[in-house]
Protein backbone atom coordinates (compact mmCIF):
# COMPACT_ATOMS: atom_id res chain seq x y z
CA MET A 1 0.00 0.00 0.00
CA LYS A 2 2.76 2.38 0.94
CA LEU A 3 4.52 1.71 -2.36
CA LYS A 4 1.31 2.39 -4.28
CA LYS A 5 0.79 5.66 -2.36
CA LEU A 6 4.38 6.75 -2.99
CA PHE A 7 4.06 5.87 -6.69
CA ALA A 8 0.83 7.85 -6.94
CA LEU A 9 2.41 10.84 -5.18
CA GLY A 10 5.38 10.71 -7.62
CA ILE A 11 3.08 10.74 -10.63
CA VAL A 12 1.15 13.68 -9.18
CA SER A 13 4.41 15.57 -8.55
CA VAL A 14 5.61 15.03 -12.12
CA LEU A 15 2.26 16.11 -13.54
CA ALA A 16 2.29 19.17 -11.30
CA ALA A 17 5.79 20.09 -12.47
CA MET A 18 4.79 19.68 -16.11
CA LEU A 19 1.72 21.80 -15.50
CA ILE A 20 3.79 24.57 -13.92
CA TRP A 21 6.22 24.89 -16.89
CA THR A 22 3.79 24.68 -19.76
CA PRO A 23 2.88 27.93 -21.60
CA GLU A 24 -0.73 27.41 -20.60
CA THR A 25 0.16 27.82 -16.90
CA LEU A 26 2.03 31.04 -17.73
CA MET A 27 -1.08 32.32 -19.46
CA THR A 28 -3.08 31.86 -16.20
CA PRO A 29 -3.17 34.48 -13.43
CA ALA A 30 -0.57 34.06 -10.66
CA LYS A 31 -1.85 33.07 -7.28
CA ALA A 32 -2.03 35.61 -4.51
CA GLY A 33 1.22 35.90 -2.65
CA GLY A 34 3.22 34.31 -5.49
CA LYS A 35 6.46 36.11 -6.37
CA VAL A 36 7.26 36.63 -10.04
CA LYS A 37 10.67 38.01 -11.08
CA ALA A 38 11.40 39.73 -14.36
CA GLN A 39 14.27 38.54 -16.57
CA LYS A 40 16.94 40.54 -18.37
CA LEU A 41 16.22 41.25 -21.99
CA PRO A 42 17.94 38.84 -24.41
CA LYS A 43 20.76 40.41 -26.45
CA GLY A 44 18.79 39.81 -29.63
CA ALA A 45 15.91 41.91 -28.22
CA LEU A 46 17.96 45.00 -27.31
CA GLY A 47 16.74 47.96 -29.34
CA PHE A 48 13.38 46.28 -30.11
CA ALA A 49 10.38 48.46 -31.04
CA GLY A 50 6.96 47.04 -31.84
CA MET A 51 3.73 45.41 -30.66
CA ILE A 52 3.83 42.37 -28.34
CA ARG A 53 0.99 40.23 -26.95
CA GLY A 54 1.06 38.31 -23.70
CA VAL A 55 -0.18 38.03 -20.10
CA VAL A 56 0.24 40.32 -17.10
CA LYS A 57 2.03 38.20 -14.45
CA GLY A 58 2.38 40.76 -11.68
CA LYS A 59 2.98 44.39 -10.74
CA THR A 60 5.93 46.33 -9.34
CA LYS A 61 6.40 49.82 -7.94
CA SER A 62 7.48 51.15 -11.33
CA GLY A 63 5.45 49.00 -13.74
CA PHE A 64 4.30 45.44 -14.33
CA ILE A 65 5.77 42.05 -15.23
CA PHE A 66 4.65 40.74 -18.59
CA TRP A 67 4.97 37.27 -20.15
CA VAL A 68 5.58 37.67 -23.90
CA GLY A 69 3.58 35.15 -25.93
CA LYS A 70 3.78 36.67 -29.43
CA ILE A 71 5.51 39.37 -31.48
CA LYS A 72 2.59 41.05 -33.22
CA GLU A 73 4.54 43.61 -35.23
CA THR A 74 8.04 45.07 -35.49
CA TRP A 75 8.44 48.77 -36.29
CA LYS A 76 10.81 50.05 -38.97
CA ASN A 77 12.97 51.85 -36.39
CA SER A 78 13.55 48.60 -34.45
CA LYS A 79 17.23 47.77 -33.99
CA ALA A 80 16.79 44.30 -32.45
CA SER A 81 18.73 41.55 -34.21
CA ASP A 82 16.36 38.78 -32.96
CA PRO A 83 12.95 40.09 -31.81
CA GLU A 84 11.61 36.51 -31.47
CA SER A 85 14.02 35.95 -28.56
CA LEU A 86 11.49 37.86 -26.39
CA ILE A 87 8.88 35.10 -26.74
CA GLY A 88 8.48 33.13 -23.51
CA LYS A 89 10.34 35.71 -21.40
CA LEU A 90 9.08 37.52 -18.29
CA VAL A 91 9.98 41.18 -18.84
CA LEU A 92 9.46 44.33 -16.83
CA ILE A 93 7.30 46.98 -18.55
CA VAL A 94 7.71 50.56 -17.30
CA PRO A 95 5.69 53.68 -18.19
CA ARG A 96 7.12 56.33 -20.48
CA ARG A 97 8.75 59.39 -18.96
CA GLU A 98 7.54 62.80 -20.16
CA LYS A 99 8.80 66.35 -19.68
CA GLY A 100 6.38 68.58 -17.78
CA GLU A 101 5.63 72.27 -18.18
CA LYS A 102 8.29 73.24 -15.62
CA GLY A 103 10.92 71.15 -17.38
CA LYS A 104 10.83 68.26 -14.92
CA TRP A 105 10.57 64.67 -16.06
CA HIS A 106 7.80 62.41 -14.75
CA TYR A 107 5.99 59.22 -15.66
CA SER A 108 3.09 59.53 -18.11
CA GLU A 109 -0.13 59.89 -16.12
CA ARG A 110 -2.07 57.97 -18.75
CA HIS A 111 0.38 55.07 -18.53
CA ILE A 112 0.18 55.08 -14.72
CA LYS A 113 -3.64 54.92 -14.88
CA PHE A 114 -3.39 52.16 -17.49
CA ILE A 115 -1.07 50.08 -15.27
CA ARG A 116 -3.38 50.60 -12.25
CA LEU A 117 -6.29 49.14 -14.21
CA LEU A 118 -4.29 46.02 -15.11
CA GLU A 119 -4.81 42.84 -13.17
CA THR A 120 -2.70 39.70 -13.01
CA GLY A 121 -3.85 37.37 -15.75
CA ASP A 122 -4.99 40.08 -18.17
CA GLU A 123 -4.09 39.13 -21.74
CA ILE A 124 -3.25 42.31 -23.68
CA THR A 125 -1.36 43.71 -26.67
CA ILE A 126 1.01 46.61 -25.96
CA ASP A 127 3.31 48.91 -27.89
CA VAL A 128 6.81 48.86 -26.35
CA ALA A 129 10.45 49.67 -27.10
CA SER A 130 13.90 48.89 -25.70
CA TYR A 131 16.30 51.78 -25.03
CA PRO A 132 19.49 50.18 -23.63
CA ASP A 133 21.32 53.52 -23.46
CA ARG A 134 18.53 55.19 -21.46
CA ILE A 135 16.85 52.51 -19.32
CA GLY A 136 19.29 49.61 -19.52
CA ASN A 137 18.65 46.01 -20.52
CA LYS A 138 16.23 45.01 -17.75
CA CYS A 139 12.96 46.48 -19.02
CA LEU A 140 10.86 47.67 -21.96
CA MET A 141 9.24 51.09 -22.09
CA LEU A 142 5.52 51.39 -22.77
CA LEU A 143 4.83 53.56 -25.84
CA GLU A 144 1.46 54.48 -27.38
CA LEU A 145 -1.78 52.97 -26.03
CA THR A 146 -4.31 51.62 -28.50
CA LYS A 147 -7.59 53.45 -29.03
CA GLU A 148 -9.49 50.89 -26.93
CA GLN A 149 -6.87 51.09 -24.17
CA ARG A 150 -7.16 54.87 -24.06
CA GLU A 151 -10.96 54.57 -23.83
CA HIS A 152 -10.58 52.09 -20.93
CA VAL A 153 -8.27 54.53 -19.14
CA GLU A 154 -10.70 57.43 -19.64
CA LYS A 155 -13.63 55.33 -18.38
CA GLY A 156 -11.63 53.60 -15.65
CA ILE A 157 -12.63 50.16 -16.95
CA GLY A 158 -10.32 47.16 -16.39
CA PHE A 159 -9.23 44.62 -18.98
CA SER A 160 -11.01 41.24 -18.76
CA GLY A 161 -10.22 38.35 -21.05
CA GLU A 162 -13.44 38.63 -23.07
CA GLU A 163 -13.14 42.35 -23.47
CA GLU A 164 -9.53 41.92 -24.49
CA GLU A 165 -10.49 39.27 -27.03
CA GLU A 166 -13.14 41.60 -28.46
CA GLU A 167 -10.62 44.39 -28.43
CA GLU A 168 -8.05 42.17 -30.15
CA LYS A 169 -10.62 41.07 -32.70
CA ALA A 170 -11.60 44.68 -33.39
CA HIS A 171 -7.94 45.58 -33.60
CA GLU A 172 -7.33 42.75 -36.07
CA GLU A 173 -10.34 43.90 -38.12
CA GLU A 174 -8.92 47.41 -38.18
CA GLU A 175 -5.54 46.05 -39.19
CA LYS A 176 -7.18 43.97 -41.91
CA GLU A 177 -9.03 47.03 -43.22
CA GLU A 178 -5.84 49.04 -43.06
CA ARG A 179 -3.97 46.33 -44.95
CA GLU A 180 -6.71 46.19 -47.59
CA LYS A 181 -6.67 49.97 -47.91
CA LYS A 182 -2.91 49.90 -48.08
CA ARG A 183 -3.02 47.14 -50.70
CA ASP A 184 -5.63 49.04 -52.75
CA HIS A 185 -3.54 52.19 -52.44
CA GLU A 186 -0.39 50.31 -53.47
CA GLU A 187 -2.20 48.74 -56.44
CA LYS A 188 -3.44 52.16 -57.52
CA GLU A 189 0.04 53.58 -57.05
CA GLU A 190 1.51 50.71 -59.07
CA GLU A 191 -1.06 51.29 -61.82
CA ARG A 192 -0.25 55.02 -61.80
CA GLU A 193 3.46 54.21 -61.93
CA ARG A 194 2.90 51.78 -64.81
CA LYS A 195 0.84 54.41 -66.61
CA LYS A 196 3.55 57.01 -65.98
CA ALA A 197 6.17 54.53 -67.20
CA ARG A 198 4.19 53.88 -70.40
CA GLU A 199 3.71 57.61 -70.96
CA ARG A 200 7.40 58.18 -70.24
CA GLU A 201 8.37 55.45 -72.72
CA GLU A 202 6.03 56.92 -75.35
CA ARG A 203 7.52 60.38 -74.74
CA GLU A 204 11.04 58.98 -75.01
CA GLU A 205 10.16 57.13 -78.23
CA ARG A 206 8.56 60.27 -79.65
CA LYS A 207 11.54 62.36 -78.61
CA GLY A 208 13.85 59.72 -80.07
CA ARG A 209 12.06 59.83 -83.42
CA GLU A 210 12.04 63.62 -83.40
CA ARG A 211 15.73 63.67 -82.45
CA GLU A 212 16.59 61.25 -85.27
CA GLU A 213 14.59 63.30 -87.78
CA ARG A 214 16.24 66.49 -86.50
CA GLU A 215 19.69 64.91 -86.68
CA GLU A 216 19.02 63.67 -90.24
CA GLU A 217 17.83 67.13 -91.26
CA GLU A 218 20.86 68.74 -89.59
CA ALA A 219 23.14 66.21 -91.32
CA ARG A 220 21.61 67.07 -94.70
CA GLU A 221 21.93 70.80 -94.03
CA ARG A 222 25.50 70.32 -92.80
CA GLU A 223 26.37 68.31 -95.91
CA GLU A 224 24.84 70.99 -98.14
CA ARG A 225 26.77 73.68 -96.25
CA GLU A 226 30.00 71.73 -96.62
CA GLU A 227 29.40 71.24 -100.34
CA ARG A 228 28.58 74.93 -100.74
CA LYS A 229 31.68 75.92 -98.78
CA ALA A 230 33.79 73.53 -100.85
CA ARG A 231 32.49 75.07 -104.08
CA GLU A 232 33.06 78.58 -102.75
CA ARG A 233 36.54 77.60 -101.58
CA GLU A 234 37.37 76.15 -104.99
CA GLU A 235 36.05 79.28 -106.69
CA ARG A 236 38.10 81.49 -104.34
CA GLU A 237 41.21 79.40 -104.94
CA GLU A 238 40.62 79.55 -108.70
CA ARG A 239 40.19 83.33 -108.57
CA LYS A 240 43.26 83.62 -106.37
CA ARG A 241 45.26 81.39 -108.71
CA ARG A 242 44.23 83.48 -111.73
CA HIS A 243 45.00 86.65 -109.79
CA GLU A 244 48.44 85.32 -108.81
CA GLU A 245 49.15 84.30 -112.40
CA GLU A 246 48.12 87.73 -113.65
CA LYS A 247 50.18 89.38 -110.93
CA GLU A 248 53.23 87.25 -111.75
CA GLU A 249 52.78 88.03 -115.43
CA ARG A 250 52.60 91.76 -114.68
CA GLU A 251 55.67 91.51 -112.43
CA ARG A 252 57.61 89.57 -115.07
CA LYS A 253 56.64 92.16 -117.64
CA ARG A 254 57.58 95.03 -115.30
CA ASP A 255 60.87 93.35 -114.33
CA HIS A 256 61.65 92.80 -117.99
CA GLU A 257 60.89 96.43 -118.75
CA GLU A 258 63.00 97.56 -115.77
CA GLU A 259 65.87 95.33 -116.84
CA GLU A 260 65.64 96.68 -120.36
CA GLU A 261 65.55 100.21 -118.99
CA GLU A 262 68.55 99.53 -116.72
CA ARG A 263 70.53 97.96 -119.54
CA SER A 264 69.66 100.95 -121.71
CA LYS A 265 70.78 103.36 -118.99
CA ASP A 266 73.92 101.31 -118.39
CA ARG A 267 74.70 101.48 -122.07
CA GLU A 268 74.06 105.22 -122.10
CA GLN A 269 76.20 105.81 -119.02
CA ASP A 270 78.86 103.46 -120.26
CA GLU A 271 78.94 105.41 -123.49
CA GLU A 272 79.19 108.71 -121.56
CA CYS A 273 82.03 107.47 -119.34
CA GLU A 274 84.68 105.35 -120.99
CA PHE A 275 86.46 102.64 -118.96
CA ASP A 276 88.89 99.83 -119.62
CA GLY A 277 88.21 96.15 -119.50
CA LEU A 278 89.45 94.11 -116.55
CA PRO A 279 93.02 92.91 -117.19
CA ASP A 280 93.52 89.14 -117.24
CA GLY A 281 95.88 89.38 -114.27
CA MET A 282 93.04 90.90 -112.14
CA HIS A 283 90.61 87.97 -112.34
CA GLY A 284 89.91 86.74 -108.77
CA PHE A 285 91.28 89.94 -107.19
CA SER A 286 90.47 90.68 -103.52
CA GLY A 287 92.05 93.65 -101.79
CA ILE A 288 92.29 97.46 -101.57
CA LEU A 289 92.85 99.75 -104.55
CA LYS A 290 93.78 103.46 -104.55
CA GLY A 291 92.88 105.85 -107.31
CA LYS A 292 90.97 108.88 -108.59
CA VAL A 293 87.25 108.94 -109.40
CA VAL A 294 87.04 109.89 -113.07
CA GLY A 295 83.35 109.20 -113.78
CA LYS A 296 80.14 107.52 -112.70
CA ILE A 297 78.11 104.74 -114.24
CA ARG A 298 74.79 103.15 -113.24
CA ASN A 299 75.13 101.66 -109.73
CA GLY A 300 78.87 102.38 -109.72
CA PHE A 301 81.82 104.62 -110.66
CA VAL A 302 85.05 104.51 -112.70
CA LEU A 303 88.34 104.51 -110.77
CA LEU A 304 91.68 105.42 -112.35
CA VAL A 305 93.87 103.02 -110.35
CA THR A 306 97.15 104.51 -109.09
CA ASP A 307 98.20 101.86 -106.55
CA VAL A 308 97.39 98.37 -105.17
CA VAL A 309 97.35 99.08 -101.39
CA ARG A 310 96.75 95.61 -99.97
CA LEU A 311 95.86 92.06 -100.98
CA TRP A 312 93.66 89.74 -98.93
CA LYS A 313 94.47 86.10 -98.22
CA ASN A 314 91.72 84.92 -100.54
CA ASN A 315 93.15 86.94 -103.44
CA GLU A 316 93.48 84.79 -106.58
CA ALA A 317 94.65 87.47 -109.06
CA GLU A 318 97.96 86.50 -110.72
CA ASN A 319 99.04 90.06 -111.55
CA PRO A 320 97.24 92.67 -109.38
CA GLU A 321 99.70 95.38 -110.49
CA SER A 322 98.23 95.11 -113.99
CA ALA A 323 95.34 97.30 -112.71
CA VAL A 324 97.60 100.34 -112.20
CA GLY A 325 96.89 103.02 -114.83
CA LYS A 326 93.61 101.39 -115.84
CA ARG A 327 90.16 103.00 -115.74
CA LEU A 328 88.24 100.19 -113.99
CA PRO A 329 84.45 100.18 -113.35
CA ILE A 330 83.51 99.46 -109.69
CA LEU A 331 79.87 98.54 -108.91
CA ALA A 332 77.77 98.30 -105.75
CA GLN A 333 77.34 94.83 -104.28
CA TRP A 334 73.99 93.17 -104.99
CA ARG A 335 71.81 91.84 -102.10
CA GLU A 336 68.81 89.52 -102.01
CA SER A 337 65.71 91.06 -100.36
CA ASP A 338 63.07 89.29 -98.27
CA ASN A 339 60.81 88.85 -101.30
CA GLY A 340 63.58 87.02 -103.18
CA LYS A 341 64.50 89.88 -105.50
CA TRP A 342 68.07 91.12 -106.00
CA HIS A 343 68.95 94.82 -105.79
CA PRO A 344 72.05 97.00 -105.28
CA ASP A 345 73.16 97.56 -101.69
CA GLU A 346 71.57 100.81 -100.43
CA ILE A 347 74.63 101.82 -98.40
CA HIS A 348 76.90 101.32 -101.39
CA LEU A 349 74.56 103.39 -103.58
CA ARG A 350 74.58 106.26 -101.05
CA PHE A 351 78.38 106.13 -100.93
CA ILE A 352 78.64 106.20 -104.76
CA LYS A 353 76.17 109.06 -104.99
CA GLY A 354 78.25 111.10 -102.51
CA LEU A 355 81.50 110.68 -104.46
CA ASP A 356 82.92 113.73 -106.23
CA ILE A 357 84.59 113.49 -109.62
CA GLY A 358 88.33 113.89 -109.07
CA ALA A 359 88.25 112.57 -105.49
CA VAL A 360 91.16 110.29 -104.51
CA ILE A 361 89.96 107.30 -102.50
CA LYS A 362 90.94 103.89 -101.21
CA ILE A 363 88.29 101.22 -101.80
CA GLU A 364 88.07 97.52 -100.86
CA VAL A 365 86.91 95.56 -103.93
CA VAL A 366 86.58 92.01 -105.18
CA ASN A 367 86.22 90.34 -108.58
CA ASP A 368 83.72 87.61 -107.74
CA GLU A 369 82.08 87.34 -111.17
CA GLY A 370 82.35 88.64 -114.72
CA GLU A 371 84.65 91.39 -115.92
CA ARG A 372 83.91 94.00 -113.27
CA LEU A 373 84.85 94.76 -109.70
CA HIS A 374 82.34 95.05 -106.85
CA ILE A 375 82.64 96.95 -103.60
CA LEU A 376 83.48 94.44 -100.85
CA GLU A 377 83.40 96.48 -97.63
CA LEU A 378 83.27 100.21 -96.87
CA SER A 379 85.31 101.79 -94.11
CA ARG A 380 83.56 103.41 -91.16
CA GLU A 381 84.13 106.90 -92.58
CA GLN A 382 82.84 105.82 -96.00
CA ARG A 383 79.65 104.36 -94.50
CA LYS A 384 78.95 107.67 -92.76
CA LYS A 385 78.94 109.62 -96.05
């Protein structure tokens, strides 16, 4: 008998233990005098913000102990890495602190009234958040009360199971309506976006066609302009070429006339002033001659040589003394100008023009071509004349 009694007592104890630790027992009100302790928030729940549903398991001086049975909703600003880790935990819920008119902080009066109306065993849905930096990791702060909860607070009505179920049902209906409205709104928005996208595509296609047509038209106009410019350029070049040819022809004609005129003048001057031919021994001469100016010719003068003063190293004349007693023509050196034309040296011409008939001079000359002598260099005094 004793063994049977002990066996029966053991079975009862096991069943009692199982009953205590099942979720159903946590959903039942705690007995009077029973002590319920809140647990620290799991690491995955730190920073949580959202709606949770569960059972009130007891009250404290600063709030109430709440068994979390379900995560109803998680807000966008939630920072919790694992909100589901709250399920099955006994957590402390505290009222929100608000700043009063005088700048002092105090608990929300509405939250305090709400907590006073709660009774152990009430099954409710609450809006809470975790602020580890402000209130630590041992509690959740109560946020906004639902519409029904605010009405209960205003009327001073408690929260029974049936009322809470009706409230939850009404809340779910509201949420359902909100979701449907949101879905309808999203569908309308999507339709508007699709319509906008179609209109945008049509505009882009239309703009693309217009742009292509405009580019083709611009290309045609550009090609016509280029062809017109090419024709005009060819015409200008042709006119320029003809003008250059005519100009060259006129210049050749003028040069020919000038040459003929110069040769005629040279012949006239040569006839007016007689001079001797260059002796054979003077070919390649380079040096200084002394003599008397006995006449002038075009671009030069006639020197009656009285002495050979000096010979330069590059002198090639075999018999320089053969010039003594001869009337030799001495001409200005010819220079090439920037435009490619040759003309007598201006300094030499000024020197020749300033010579007086009968003047005795020393002059540096060279026979670099033909049968005549050319001025090589003038002295400083001669250049000043």
